[in-house]
Each structure stands twice: as structure tokens, then as C-alpha cells.
N, C-alpha and C. Protein backbone atom coordinates (compact mmCIF):
# COMPACT_ATOMS: atom_id res chain seq x y z
N MET A 1 0.83 -1.20 0.00
CA MET A 1 0.00 0.00 0.00
C MET A 1 0.87 1.26 0.00
N SER A 2 1.94 1.25 0.76
CA SER A 2 2.78 2.44 0.81
C SER A 2 3.54 2.64 -0.51
N SER A 3 3.81 1.56 -1.22
CA SER A 3 4.51 1.72 -2.50
C SER A 3 3.59 2.39 -3.53
N ILE A 4 2.30 2.12 -3.46
CA ILE A 4 1.34 2.78 -4.36
C ILE A 4 1.28 4.27 -4.04
N LYS A 5 1.26 4.61 -2.74
CA LYS A 5 1.24 6.02 -2.35
C LYS A 5 2.53 6.71 -2.78
N ASN A 6 3.64 6.02 -2.65
CA ASN A 6 4.92 6.60 -3.06
C ASN A 6 4.94 6.84 -4.57
N GLN A 7 4.40 5.88 -5.34
CA GLN A 7 4.36 6.05 -6.79
C GLN A 7 3.44 7.22 -7.17
N ALA A 8 2.29 7.30 -6.51
CA ALA A 8 1.36 8.40 -6.80
C ALA A 8 2.00 9.74 -6.46
N SER A 9 2.68 9.79 -5.34
CA SER A 9 3.35 11.02 -4.94
C SER A 9 4.46 11.37 -5.92
N SER A 10 5.18 10.38 -6.38
CA SER A 10 6.25 10.60 -7.35
C SER A 10 5.70 11.12 -8.67
N ILE A 11 4.59 10.54 -9.12
CA ILE A 11 3.96 10.98 -10.37
C ILE A 11 3.47 12.42 -10.23
N LYS A 12 2.87 12.73 -9.08
CA LYS A 12 2.37 14.08 -8.84
C LYS A 12 3.53 15.08 -8.83
N ASP A 13 4.61 14.75 -8.12
CA ASP A 13 5.77 15.62 -8.07
C ASP A 13 6.37 15.83 -9.45
N ASP A 14 6.42 14.76 -10.23
CA ASP A 14 6.96 14.85 -11.59
C ASP A 14 6.11 15.77 -12.46
N ALA A 15 4.79 15.65 -12.35
CA ALA A 15 3.88 16.49 -13.12
C ALA A 15 4.04 17.96 -12.72
N LEU A 16 4.16 18.22 -11.44
CA LEU A 16 4.36 19.60 -10.97
C LEU A 16 5.68 20.17 -11.47
N ASP A 17 6.73 19.34 -11.44
CA ASP A 17 8.03 19.79 -11.93
C ASP A 17 7.97 20.13 -13.42
N ARG A 18 7.26 19.29 -14.19
CA ARG A 18 7.13 19.57 -15.62
C ARG A 18 6.34 20.84 -15.88
N ALA A 19 5.29 21.06 -15.11
CA ALA A 19 4.49 22.27 -15.27
C ALA A 19 5.30 23.52 -14.95
N LYS A 20 6.09 23.46 -13.89
CA LYS A 20 6.94 24.60 -13.53
C LYS A 20 8.00 24.84 -14.60
N ALA A 21 8.57 23.76 -15.13
CA ALA A 21 9.58 23.90 -16.18
C ALA A 21 8.99 24.50 -17.44
N ALA A 22 7.78 24.08 -17.80
CA ALA A 22 7.13 24.62 -18.99
C ALA A 22 6.82 26.10 -18.82
N GLN A 23 6.40 26.47 -17.62
CA GLN A 23 6.07 27.87 -17.37
C GLN A 23 7.33 28.73 -17.41
N SER A 24 8.41 28.24 -16.84
CA SER A 24 9.64 29.02 -16.84
C SER A 24 10.29 29.05 -18.22
N ALA A 25 9.96 28.07 -19.07
CA ALA A 25 10.52 28.04 -20.42
C ALA A 25 9.79 28.99 -21.35
N GLY A 26 8.75 29.66 -20.88
CA GLY A 26 8.03 30.62 -21.70
C GLY A 26 6.90 30.01 -22.50
N LEU A 27 6.39 28.87 -22.08
CA LEU A 27 5.30 28.23 -22.80
C LEU A 27 3.94 28.69 -22.33
N ASN A 28 3.91 29.72 -21.54
CA ASN A 28 2.67 30.28 -21.05
C ASN A 28 2.34 31.53 -21.88
N PRO A 29 1.40 31.43 -22.82
CA PRO A 29 1.14 32.57 -23.70
C PRO A 29 0.57 33.79 -22.96
N ILE A 30 -0.16 33.56 -21.89
CA ILE A 30 -0.70 34.70 -21.13
C ILE A 30 0.43 35.45 -20.44
N ALA A 31 1.37 34.70 -19.85
CA ALA A 31 2.53 35.35 -19.22
C ALA A 31 3.36 36.08 -20.26
N ALA A 32 3.47 35.50 -21.45
CA ALA A 32 4.23 36.15 -22.53
C ALA A 32 3.56 37.46 -22.94
N LEU A 33 2.23 37.46 -23.04
CA LEU A 33 1.50 38.69 -23.35
C LEU A 33 1.71 39.74 -22.26
N HIS A 34 1.68 39.28 -21.02
CA HIS A 34 1.88 40.20 -19.89
C HIS A 34 3.28 40.80 -19.92
N ARG A 35 4.27 39.95 -20.18
CA ARG A 35 5.65 40.45 -20.26
C ARG A 35 5.83 41.41 -21.43
N ALA A 36 5.05 41.22 -22.50
CA ALA A 36 5.14 42.10 -23.67
C ALA A 36 4.46 43.44 -23.43
N GLY A 37 3.75 43.57 -22.32
CA GLY A 37 3.13 44.85 -21.98
C GLY A 37 1.64 44.94 -22.24
N PHE A 38 1.01 43.86 -22.67
CA PHE A 38 -0.44 43.89 -22.88
C PHE A 38 -1.14 43.97 -21.53
N LYS A 39 -2.20 44.75 -21.48
CA LYS A 39 -2.93 44.94 -20.24
C LYS A 39 -4.34 44.37 -20.38
N SER A 40 -4.90 43.97 -19.25
CA SER A 40 -6.25 43.40 -19.26
C SER A 40 -7.27 44.41 -19.76
N GLU A 41 -7.06 45.69 -19.47
CA GLU A 41 -7.99 46.72 -19.91
C GLU A 41 -8.08 46.76 -21.44
N TRP A 42 -6.96 46.52 -22.10
CA TRP A 42 -6.95 46.53 -23.57
C TRP A 42 -7.79 45.37 -24.11
N ALA A 43 -7.70 44.22 -23.47
CA ALA A 43 -8.48 43.06 -23.92
C ALA A 43 -9.98 43.33 -23.70
N TYR A 44 -10.33 43.92 -22.55
CA TYR A 44 -11.73 44.26 -22.31
C TYR A 44 -12.23 45.26 -23.36
N LEU A 45 -11.40 46.24 -23.66
CA LEU A 45 -11.76 47.23 -24.68
C LEU A 45 -11.97 46.54 -26.03
N GLY A 46 -11.10 45.59 -26.37
CA GLY A 46 -11.26 44.83 -27.61
C GLY A 46 -12.59 44.08 -27.65
N GLY A 47 -13.01 43.55 -26.52
CA GLY A 47 -14.29 42.85 -26.45
C GLY A 47 -15.45 43.78 -26.72
N PHE A 48 -15.43 44.96 -26.11
CA PHE A 48 -16.52 45.91 -26.33
C PHE A 48 -16.50 46.46 -27.76
N VAL A 49 -15.31 46.68 -28.31
CA VAL A 49 -15.22 47.14 -29.69
C VAL A 49 -15.77 46.08 -30.65
N SER A 50 -15.48 44.81 -30.39
CA SER A 50 -15.99 43.76 -31.27
C SER A 50 -17.52 43.66 -31.19
N ILE A 51 -18.08 43.93 -30.02
CA ILE A 51 -19.55 43.96 -29.91
C ILE A 51 -20.10 45.10 -30.75
N GLY A 52 -19.46 46.26 -30.67
CA GLY A 52 -19.90 47.40 -31.48
C GLY A 52 -19.76 47.14 -32.97
N LEU A 53 -18.63 46.53 -33.37
CA LEU A 53 -18.45 46.20 -34.79
C LEU A 53 -19.49 45.18 -35.25
N SER A 54 -19.81 44.23 -34.39
CA SER A 54 -20.82 43.24 -34.73
C SER A 54 -22.17 43.88 -34.95
N LEU A 55 -22.54 44.78 -34.07
CA LEU A 55 -23.81 45.49 -34.22
C LEU A 55 -23.82 46.36 -35.49
N ALA A 56 -22.68 46.99 -35.78
CA ALA A 56 -22.60 47.81 -36.99
C ALA A 56 -22.71 46.95 -38.24
N ALA A 57 -22.06 45.79 -38.25
CA ALA A 57 -22.15 44.89 -39.41
C ALA A 57 -23.57 44.37 -39.58
N TRP A 58 -24.21 44.04 -38.47
CA TRP A 58 -25.58 43.54 -38.54
C TRP A 58 -26.54 44.63 -39.02
N SER A 59 -26.43 45.82 -38.44
CA SER A 59 -27.34 46.89 -38.85
C SER A 59 -27.05 47.32 -40.29
N GLY A 60 -25.80 47.23 -40.71
CA GLY A 60 -25.47 47.53 -42.10
C GLY A 60 -26.07 46.53 -43.06
N SER A 61 -26.25 45.30 -42.60
CA SER A 61 -26.84 44.28 -43.47
C SER A 61 -28.32 44.53 -43.71
N ARG A 62 -28.96 45.26 -42.84
CA ARG A 62 -30.39 45.56 -43.01
C ARG A 62 -30.61 46.51 -44.20
N ALA A 63 -29.63 47.33 -44.53
CA ALA A 63 -29.78 48.32 -45.60
C ALA A 63 -29.39 47.75 -46.96
N ARG A 64 -28.85 46.56 -47.00
CA ARG A 64 -28.38 45.98 -48.27
C ARG A 64 -29.51 45.22 -48.97
N PRO A 65 -29.30 44.96 -50.27
CA PRO A 65 -30.28 44.13 -50.97
C PRO A 65 -30.35 42.73 -50.35
N ALA A 66 -31.41 42.03 -50.62
CA ALA A 66 -31.65 40.71 -50.01
C ALA A 66 -30.54 39.71 -50.30
N ASP A 67 -29.86 39.86 -51.43
CA ASP A 67 -28.80 38.91 -51.80
C ASP A 67 -27.63 38.95 -50.82
N ASP A 68 -27.30 40.13 -50.31
CA ASP A 68 -26.13 40.29 -49.46
C ASP A 68 -26.45 40.17 -47.97
N LYS A 69 -27.72 40.14 -47.61
CA LYS A 69 -28.08 40.14 -46.19
C LYS A 69 -27.54 38.92 -45.44
N ALA A 70 -27.64 37.76 -46.02
CA ALA A 70 -27.19 36.55 -45.32
C ALA A 70 -25.69 36.61 -45.04
N GLN A 71 -24.93 37.03 -46.02
CA GLN A 71 -23.48 37.13 -45.82
C GLN A 71 -23.14 38.19 -44.79
N SER A 72 -23.82 39.31 -44.82
CA SER A 72 -23.56 40.37 -43.85
C SER A 72 -23.95 39.94 -42.44
N ASP A 73 -25.05 39.21 -42.33
CA ASP A 73 -25.44 38.70 -41.02
C ASP A 73 -24.40 37.74 -40.48
N ARG A 74 -23.89 36.85 -41.33
CA ARG A 74 -22.84 35.91 -40.89
C ARG A 74 -21.59 36.66 -40.48
N TRP A 75 -21.24 37.71 -41.20
CA TRP A 75 -20.06 38.50 -40.85
C TRP A 75 -20.25 39.14 -39.47
N GLY A 76 -21.43 39.67 -39.20
CA GLY A 76 -21.71 40.26 -37.89
C GLY A 76 -21.62 39.23 -36.78
N ILE A 77 -22.12 38.04 -37.02
CA ILE A 77 -22.03 36.97 -36.02
C ILE A 77 -20.58 36.58 -35.80
N PHE A 78 -19.81 36.49 -36.89
CA PHE A 78 -18.39 36.13 -36.78
C PHE A 78 -17.64 37.13 -35.92
N ILE A 79 -17.85 38.41 -36.16
CA ILE A 79 -17.18 39.44 -35.36
C ILE A 79 -17.66 39.37 -33.91
N GLY A 80 -18.94 39.08 -33.71
CA GLY A 80 -19.48 38.99 -32.36
C GLY A 80 -18.86 37.89 -31.52
N HIS A 81 -18.38 36.84 -32.17
CA HIS A 81 -17.72 35.76 -31.44
C HIS A 81 -16.36 36.18 -30.88
N TRP A 82 -15.78 37.23 -31.40
CA TRP A 82 -14.49 37.68 -30.89
C TRP A 82 -14.60 38.20 -29.46
N ALA A 83 -15.75 38.74 -29.11
CA ALA A 83 -15.91 39.38 -27.80
C ALA A 83 -15.58 38.42 -26.66
N SER A 84 -16.08 37.21 -26.74
CA SER A 84 -15.82 36.26 -25.65
C SER A 84 -14.33 35.94 -25.53
N THR A 85 -13.64 35.88 -26.65
CA THR A 85 -12.20 35.62 -26.61
C THR A 85 -11.47 36.78 -25.95
N PHE A 86 -11.81 38.00 -26.33
CA PHE A 86 -11.17 39.16 -25.73
C PHE A 86 -11.45 39.24 -24.23
N PHE A 87 -12.69 38.96 -23.82
CA PHE A 87 -13.02 39.01 -22.40
C PHE A 87 -12.28 37.92 -21.63
N ALA A 88 -12.15 36.73 -22.21
CA ALA A 88 -11.40 35.66 -21.55
C ALA A 88 -9.93 36.03 -21.41
N LEU A 89 -9.36 36.63 -22.45
CA LEU A 89 -7.97 37.11 -22.36
C LEU A 89 -7.84 38.18 -21.29
N GLY A 90 -8.83 39.06 -21.19
CA GLY A 90 -8.79 40.09 -20.16
C GLY A 90 -8.78 39.51 -18.76
N ILE A 91 -9.59 38.49 -18.55
CA ILE A 91 -9.62 37.85 -17.23
C ILE A 91 -8.30 37.15 -16.94
N ALA A 92 -7.76 36.45 -17.93
CA ALA A 92 -6.48 35.76 -17.74
C ALA A 92 -5.36 36.75 -17.49
N LEU A 93 -5.34 37.85 -18.21
CA LEU A 93 -4.31 38.86 -17.99
C LEU A 93 -4.46 39.52 -16.63
N LYS A 94 -5.71 39.73 -16.19
CA LYS A 94 -5.94 40.30 -14.86
C LYS A 94 -5.36 39.40 -13.79
N GLN A 95 -5.54 38.08 -13.95
CA GLN A 95 -4.97 37.12 -13.00
C GLN A 95 -3.44 37.17 -13.03
N GLU A 96 -2.89 37.34 -14.21
CA GLU A 96 -1.43 37.41 -14.35
C GLU A 96 -0.87 38.70 -13.74
N GLU A 97 -1.66 39.76 -13.77
CA GLU A 97 -1.21 41.04 -13.21
C GLU A 97 -1.15 41.01 -11.69
N LYS A 98 -1.90 40.12 -11.07
CA LYS A 98 -1.93 40.07 -9.60
C LYS A 98 -0.67 39.49 -9.02
């Protein structure tokens, strides 16, 4: 029984060592963004801008002929999906700033 616990502890320690080594080797893209000077506020701003661009693309599609409306609507939805990515980056960068 103790050998199983020792093996589990060894595996856990090995995994932690690898995670620390990967982080110190620069494999953490959020830490790399933070070191490059990106701020969480910029990511939040990008999220709100993408929401505004999405609304502009969607409202612009209302004024177009029927042939182009579907493509314009898809473009607005595509831009709208960026917001969640920017907000997630903002949260991750905020955690890195602490």
C-alpha cells in the first residue's frame, strides 16, 4: 500500500516539476503577453469594440439588398464571437497582473 502512495506522490511531483519547467521556459502565452506589456484593460476594450463592430455589421446588413443580407449577417455573427475571446484574455491577464 505504501509503494502505491509513493508512486502516486512521485507521479504528482513529476507532473508539478514539468508544469513549472514549462512555465519558466516561456510556454505560457498569457505570461508572454503580460511580459510584452499587454494589459487586461486593452483586452476588455477589444471585447466591447468587437460587440460594437458586430452590431454595426448587422445593422449595415439591413440596408443591403436581399442577396447580401445573409453574408452580412454571418459576418456580424463572426465578429461577435471575438468578444468572448477578448473578455477571456482580459480575465487571464488580470490574474497574471496580480
